[in-house]
């Protein structure tokens, strides 16, 4: 099986004790790709970077993690995007972006785009997020949606993570319309209850399960901070508790890592419920460390790993 994760990775600056900033890099779909690779999945990251040294360092680190970089485009004379994270005493984050000219915004409007689109159609699973969709503009999203439709026609699957950042969109109405389109193409929806409340409002009309079912999504996972995850698949709904609650050090990539461990377990043939427990275990470890990507030796023992040699029956 071949997996593709589509999105943007940027230079990251995060404040450390004493007021100095640490240099790293991050992006929601990149975080998921790294954790998927650590859990045995064969995953390529699909993005564009500048030809600056920070982009060089990113590509080298992804290769070291086992993430495929053959679909990473380098743009001559361009600079990779940047963001700063400020974390409060509860571990919650605020993000400040310098990304208007980020090369990743142009992956569906490049001379190489036709070749990229053709390559994407051959993947068994394509993963993207609401942040991914905010990058491309109407023409780019239209091309991406057409590509995802052909992925499904060829027997591949599409996974959509709701990740919604209001400042990335011209209006909430435009974001709502795009999310509905994306859900209509998704086989698996990994939803944040906060995202859906912020975008669609409270009540039953904004309920992630209701909205996903209305668009024909067959497998739905709803994450709601410290509440049990709602897992809907095969006509059944279950609640999967988080387990022991901890005061987080940094909640960056909690959802991204959950998604990776969930998908890895599904690729191994685990049930949706057990896959959600796998997601909780990894996310619980990630939030106890600063930054999006925890050290290799901090990965919790006993996680279910993807079995990439299995004949594909799930997710």
Protein backbone atom coordinates (compact mmCIF):
# COMPACT_ATOMS: atom_id res chain seq x y z
CA UNK A 1 0.00 0.00 0.00
CA UNK A 2 1.06 3.55 -0.76
CA UNK A 3 -0.08 6.49 1.38
CA UNK A 4 0.14 10.18 0.53
CA UNK A 5 -0.22 13.02 3.03
CA UNK A 6 -0.87 16.43 1.43
CA UNK A 7 -0.25 19.81 3.00
CA UNK A 8 2.25 22.35 4.20
CA UNK A 9 5.24 22.26 6.50
CA UNK A 10 6.75 25.49 7.79
CA UNK A 11 9.67 26.71 9.82
CA UNK A 12 8.58 26.73 13.48
CA UNK A 13 9.73 29.02 16.27
CA UNK A 14 8.51 28.18 19.77
CA UNK A 15 9.27 29.99 23.01
CA UNK A 16 11.29 28.08 25.58
CA UNK A 17 11.86 28.84 29.27
CA UNK A 18 13.86 32.03 29.60
CA UNK A 19 12.23 33.63 26.57
CA UNK A 20 14.48 32.30 23.82
CA UNK A 21 12.94 30.63 20.76
CA UNK A 22 13.77 27.14 19.53
CA UNK A 23 13.91 26.46 15.79
CA UNK A 24 12.08 23.43 14.42
CA UNK A 25 9.50 22.77 11.74
CA UNK A 26 5.94 21.51 11.68
CA UNK A 27 2.65 21.20 9.90
CA UNK A 28 -0.46 19.18 10.69
CA UNK A 29 -0.32 16.68 7.82
CA UNK A 30 3.46 16.44 8.10
CA UNK A 31 3.15 15.54 11.78
CA UNK A 32 0.72 12.78 10.89
CA UNK A 33 3.03 11.51 8.14
CA UNK A 34 5.99 11.30 10.54
CA UNK A 35 4.03 9.34 13.14
CA UNK A 36 2.59 7.07 10.44
CA UNK A 37 6.12 6.33 9.23
CA UNK A 38 7.24 5.59 12.78
CA UNK A 39 4.37 3.13 13.02
CA UNK A 40 5.40 1.25 9.91
CA UNK A 41 3.36 2.89 7.16
CA UNK A 42 4.83 3.64 3.74
CA UNK A 43 3.87 7.30 3.43
CA UNK A 44 4.97 10.08 1.07
CA UNK A 45 4.65 13.74 1.95
CA UNK A 46 3.22 15.94 -0.82
CA UNK A 47 4.18 19.61 -0.59
CA UNK A 48 6.40 22.36 -1.94
CA UNK A 49 9.27 24.14 -0.20
CA UNK A 50 11.64 26.95 -0.99
CA UNK A 51 15.23 26.26 -1.98
CA UNK A 52 16.47 27.73 1.32
CA UNK A 53 18.60 25.81 3.84
CA UNK A 54 15.59 25.38 6.14
CA UNK A 55 13.87 23.42 3.41
CA UNK A 56 17.02 21.32 3.01
CA UNK A 57 16.93 20.50 6.71
CA UNK A 58 13.25 19.57 6.54
CA UNK A 59 13.74 17.14 3.68
CA UNK A 60 16.72 15.53 5.41
CA UNK A 61 14.79 15.07 8.66
CA UNK A 62 11.79 13.55 6.86
CA UNK A 63 14.05 11.09 5.08
CA UNK A 64 15.60 10.17 8.42
CA UNK A 65 12.10 9.45 9.76
CA UNK A 66 11.28 7.21 6.80
CA UNK A 67 8.85 9.62 5.14
CA UNK A 68 9.01 9.55 1.35
CA UNK A 69 10.10 12.86 -0.21
CA UNK A 70 9.75 12.05 -3.89
CA UNK A 71 6.64 14.26 -4.10
CA UNK A 72 8.28 17.30 -2.50
CA UNK A 73 8.80 20.14 -4.99
CA UNK A 74 11.55 22.71 -4.37
CA UNK A 75 10.87 26.20 -5.78
CA UNK A 76 13.88 28.20 -6.90
CA UNK A 77 14.25 31.58 -5.23
CA UNK A 78 11.39 31.03 -2.81
CA UNK A 79 11.46 30.88 0.99
CA UNK A 80 9.65 28.28 3.07
CA UNK A 81 6.79 29.60 5.25
CA UNK A 82 7.22 30.35 8.95
CA UNK A 83 5.10 30.40 12.10
CA UNK A 84 5.58 31.14 15.80
CA UNK A 85 3.89 29.18 18.60
CA UNK A 86 3.09 30.82 21.92
CA UNK A 87 2.00 28.32 24.60
CA UNK A 88 0.11 29.32 27.76
CA UNK A 89 0.41 27.76 31.22
CA UNK A 90 -2.31 25.22 30.35
CA UNK A 91 -0.39 23.93 27.34
CA UNK A 92 -2.73 25.58 24.84
CA UNK A 93 -1.19 27.25 21.79
CA UNK A 94 -1.62 30.33 19.65
CA UNK A 95 -0.10 30.45 16.19
CA UNK A 96 1.24 33.45 14.25
CA UNK A 97 1.94 32.86 10.55
CA UNK A 98 4.14 34.29 7.81
CA UNK A 99 2.85 32.14 4.94
CA UNK A 100 1.26 34.30 2.23
CA UNK A 101 4.05 33.37 -0.19
CA UNK A 102 4.52 29.83 1.05
CA UNK A 103 5.46 27.55 -1.88
CA UNK A 104 3.05 24.88 -0.61
CA UNK A 105 0.14 27.07 -1.73
CA UNK A 106 1.07 26.47 -5.36
CA UNK A 107 1.38 22.69 -5.66
CA UNK A 108 -1.83 22.56 -7.72
CA UNK A 109 -0.78 25.49 -9.92
CA UNK A 110 2.77 24.56 -10.99
CA UNK A 111 4.26 23.35 -14.27
CA UNK A 112 4.75 19.99 -12.53
CA UNK A 113 1.14 19.79 -11.33
CA UNK A 114 -0.14 17.43 -14.09
CA UNK A 115 2.54 14.87 -13.20
CA UNK A 116 1.73 15.24 -9.49
CA UNK A 117 -1.99 14.73 -10.10
CA UNK A 118 -1.32 11.62 -12.15
CA UNK A 119 0.91 10.23 -9.40
CA UNK A 120 -1.65 10.92 -6.67
CA UNK A 121 -4.27 8.86 -8.46
CA UNK A 122 -2.18 5.72 -7.87
CA UNK A 123 -2.08 6.01 -4.07
CA UNK A 124 -4.12 3.60 -1.97
CA UNK A 125 -4.87 6.19 0.69
CA UNK A 126 -4.70 9.99 0.49
CA UNK A 127 -4.76 12.04 3.70
CA UNK A 128 -5.50 15.77 3.89
CA UNK A 129 -6.88 18.32 6.31
CA UNK A 130 -8.92 21.49 6.50
CA UNK A 131 -5.64 23.38 6.67
CA UNK A 132 -4.55 21.70 3.43
CA UNK A 133 -7.74 22.89 1.74
CA UNK A 134 -7.26 26.47 2.94
CA UNK A 135 -4.02 26.75 0.97
CA UNK A 136 -4.99 26.29 -2.63
CA UNK A 137 -7.77 28.67 -3.69
CA UNK A 138 -10.85 27.64 -5.66
CA UNK A 139 -9.03 26.48 -8.79
CA UNK A 140 -6.48 24.44 -6.85
CA UNK A 141 -9.16 22.89 -4.65
CA UNK A 142 -11.23 22.02 -7.71
CA UNK A 143 -8.29 20.18 -9.22
CA UNK A 144 -7.57 18.43 -5.92
CA UNK A 145 -11.21 17.36 -5.52
CA UNK A 146 -11.27 15.98 -9.08
CA UNK A 147 -8.10 14.05 -8.27
CA UNK A 148 -9.57 12.63 -5.05
CA UNK A 149 -12.63 11.52 -6.95
CA UNK A 150 -10.43 9.57 -9.37
CA UNK A 151 -8.48 8.10 -6.44
CA UNK A 152 -11.74 6.64 -5.16
CA UNK A 153 -12.82 5.47 -8.61
CA UNK A 154 -9.60 3.47 -8.82
CA UNK A 155 -10.24 1.84 -5.44
CA UNK A 156 -8.21 4.17 -3.23
CA UNK A 157 -9.49 5.82 -0.07
CA UNK A 158 -9.57 9.40 1.14
CA UNK A 159 -9.10 10.46 4.77
CA UNK A 160 -10.11 13.98 5.81
CA UNK A 161 -9.08 15.62 9.08
CA UNK A 162 -11.28 18.61 9.91
CA UNK A 163 -8.48 20.88 11.24
CA UNK A 164 -10.05 24.35 10.89
CA UNK A 165 -8.18 27.64 11.32
CA UNK A 166 -10.56 30.60 10.79
CA UNK A 167 -7.80 33.06 9.87
CA UNK A 168 -6.84 30.88 6.90
CA UNK A 169 -10.20 31.41 5.18
CA UNK A 170 -11.80 34.47 3.54
CA UNK A 171 -15.06 33.69 5.36
CA UNK A 172 -16.65 31.00 7.48
CA UNK A 173 -19.25 30.49 4.76
CA UNK A 174 -16.59 29.64 2.20
CA UNK A 175 -14.93 27.24 4.62
CA UNK A 176 -18.26 25.52 5.35
CA UNK A 177 -18.92 24.97 1.66
CA UNK A 178 -15.43 23.53 1.07
CA UNK A 179 -15.65 21.25 4.12
CA UNK A 180 -18.97 19.85 2.89
CA UNK A 181 -17.35 19.13 -0.49
CA UNK A 182 -14.42 17.41 1.21
CA UNK A 183 -16.68 15.27 3.37
CA UNK A 184 -18.50 14.17 0.24
CA UNK A 185 -15.23 12.67 -1.00
CA UNK A 186 -14.06 11.19 2.31
CA UNK A 187 -14.14 7.51 3.23
CA UNK A 188 -12.88 8.31 6.74
CA UNK A 189 -13.49 11.60 8.57
CA UNK A 190 -11.35 12.40 11.62
CA UNK A 191 -13.22 15.26 13.22
CA UNK A 192 -12.52 17.71 15.99
CA UNK A 193 -15.72 18.64 17.82
CA UNK A 194 -14.24 22.11 18.41
CA UNK A 195 -13.65 22.57 14.68
CA UNK A 196 -17.24 21.70 13.86
CA UNK A 197 -18.66 23.88 16.63
CA UNK A 198 -16.55 26.80 15.43
CA UNK A 199 -17.50 26.31 11.80
CA UNK A 200 -21.08 24.99 11.87
CA UNK A 201 -22.32 26.14 15.28
CA UNK A 202 -23.78 24.13 18.13
CA UNK A 203 -26.83 21.90 18.15
CA UNK A 204 -27.67 18.96 15.93
CA UNK A 205 -27.02 20.87 12.69
CA UNK A 206 -23.36 21.25 13.67
CA UNK A 207 -22.97 17.71 14.98
CA UNK A 208 -19.98 16.11 13.20
CA UNK A 209 -21.63 12.69 12.97
CA UNK A 210 -24.81 14.16 11.49
CA UNK A 211 -22.89 16.23 8.93
CA UNK A 212 -20.56 13.40 7.96
CA UNK A 213 -23.37 10.90 7.57
CA UNK A 214 -25.31 13.40 5.45
CA UNK A 215 -22.35 13.47 3.04
CA UNK A 216 -22.03 9.70 2.94
CA UNK A 217 -18.90 9.24 5.08
CA UNK A 218 -18.71 5.62 6.14
CA UNK A 219 -16.23 5.86 9.03
CA UNK A 220 -16.27 8.78 11.46
CA UNK A 221 -14.16 9.56 14.52
CA UNK A 222 -14.98 12.62 16.64
CA UNK A 223 -12.32 13.88 19.05
CA UNK A 224 -13.51 16.23 21.80
CA UNK A 225 -10.59 17.24 24.04
CA UNK A 226 -10.89 15.25 27.28
CA UNK A 227 -14.21 13.57 26.35
CA UNK A 228 -14.36 10.03 24.96
CA UNK A 229 -13.95 9.76 21.21
CA UNK A 230 -17.11 8.94 19.25
CA UNK A 231 -16.43 6.22 16.72
CA UNK A 232 -19.04 5.47 14.05
CA UNK A 233 -18.44 2.65 11.57
CA UNK A 234 -20.25 -0.36 10.15
CA UNK A 235 -23.58 0.98 11.40
CA UNK A 236 -22.39 1.06 15.02
CA UNK A 237 -21.43 3.91 17.35
CA UNK A 238 -19.10 3.59 20.34
CA UNK A 239 -17.48 5.91 22.88
CA UNK A 240 -13.79 5.30 23.50
CA UNK A 241 -12.45 6.97 26.68
CA UNK A 242 -9.08 8.68 26.72
CA UNK A 243 -7.80 6.90 29.82
CA UNK A 244 -5.72 8.54 32.54
CA UNK A 245 -5.92 12.33 32.18
CA UNK A 246 -2.75 14.37 32.47
CA UNK A 247 -1.93 18.04 32.57
CA UNK A 248 -0.39 18.61 29.15
CA UNK A 249 2.97 20.24 28.59
CA UNK A 250 2.07 21.17 25.01
CA UNK A 251 -1.01 20.06 23.05
CA UNK A 252 0.65 20.63 19.66
CA UNK A 253 0.02 17.65 17.35
CA UNK A 254 -2.30 15.86 19.78
CA UNK A 255 -4.88 15.41 17.03
CA UNK A 256 -2.28 14.78 14.33
CA UNK A 257 -0.66 11.96 16.31
CA UNK A 258 -4.05 10.48 17.23
CA UNK A 259 -4.89 10.35 13.53
CA UNK A 260 -1.63 8.60 12.68
CA UNK A 261 -2.02 5.92 15.34
CA UNK A 262 -5.68 5.43 14.44
CA UNK A 263 -4.87 4.91 10.77
CA UNK A 264 -1.87 2.67 11.51
CA UNK A 265 -4.09 0.38 13.57
CA UNK A 266 -6.77 0.33 10.89
CA UNK A 267 -4.11 -0.58 8.32
CA UNK A 268 -3.14 -3.44 10.61
CA UNK A 269 -6.73 -4.69 10.53
CA UNK A 270 -7.77 -3.49 14.02
CA UNK A 271 -11.35 -2.50 14.72
CA UNK A 272 -12.26 1.21 14.76
CA UNK A 273 -12.66 1.08 18.57
CA UNK A 274 -9.24 -0.46 19.15
CA UNK A 275 -7.76 1.95 16.62
CA UNK A 276 -9.14 4.89 18.60
CA UNK A 277 -7.52 3.48 21.75
CA UNK A 278 -4.26 3.33 19.81
CA UNK A 279 -4.75 6.97 18.88
CA UNK A 280 -5.36 7.96 22.49
CA UNK A 281 -2.18 6.19 23.64
CA UNK A 282 0.06 8.05 21.23
CA UNK A 283 -1.63 11.44 21.74
CA UNK A 284 -1.27 11.05 25.52
CA UNK A 285 2.49 10.70 25.09
CA UNK A 286 2.79 13.55 22.58
CA UNK A 287 1.12 16.15 24.82
CA UNK A 288 3.67 15.49 27.57
CA UNK A 289 6.51 16.87 25.41
CA UNK A 290 7.11 20.29 23.88
CA UNK A 291 6.68 20.56 20.14
CA UNK A 292 4.91 18.46 17.55
CA UNK A 293 7.34 15.56 17.11
CA UNK A 294 8.46 13.76 20.25
CA UNK A 295 11.81 11.94 20.48
CA UNK A 296 11.88 8.43 19.09
CA UNK A 297 12.60 7.00 22.53
CA UNK A 298 9.48 8.71 23.92
CA UNK A 299 7.15 6.74 21.65
CA UNK A 300 4.95 4.62 23.93
CA UNK A 301 5.46 0.88 23.92
CA UNK A 302 2.76 -1.44 22.66
CA UNK A 303 1.32 0.74 19.91
CA UNK A 304 -0.32 -1.14 17.06
CA UNK A 305 1.79 -0.79 13.93
CA UNK A 306 0.61 -0.73 10.34
CA UNK A 307 0.95 -4.03 8.52
CA UNK A 308 1.80 -2.82 5.03
CA UNK A 309 2.09 -6.38 3.68
CA UNK A 310 -1.56 -7.18 4.35
CA UNK A 311 -4.00 -7.29 1.48
CA UNK A 312 -6.00 -4.09 1.78
CA UNK A 313 -9.39 -4.62 3.37
CA UNK A 314 -9.26 -1.64 5.74
CA UNK A 315 -9.37 1.17 6.57
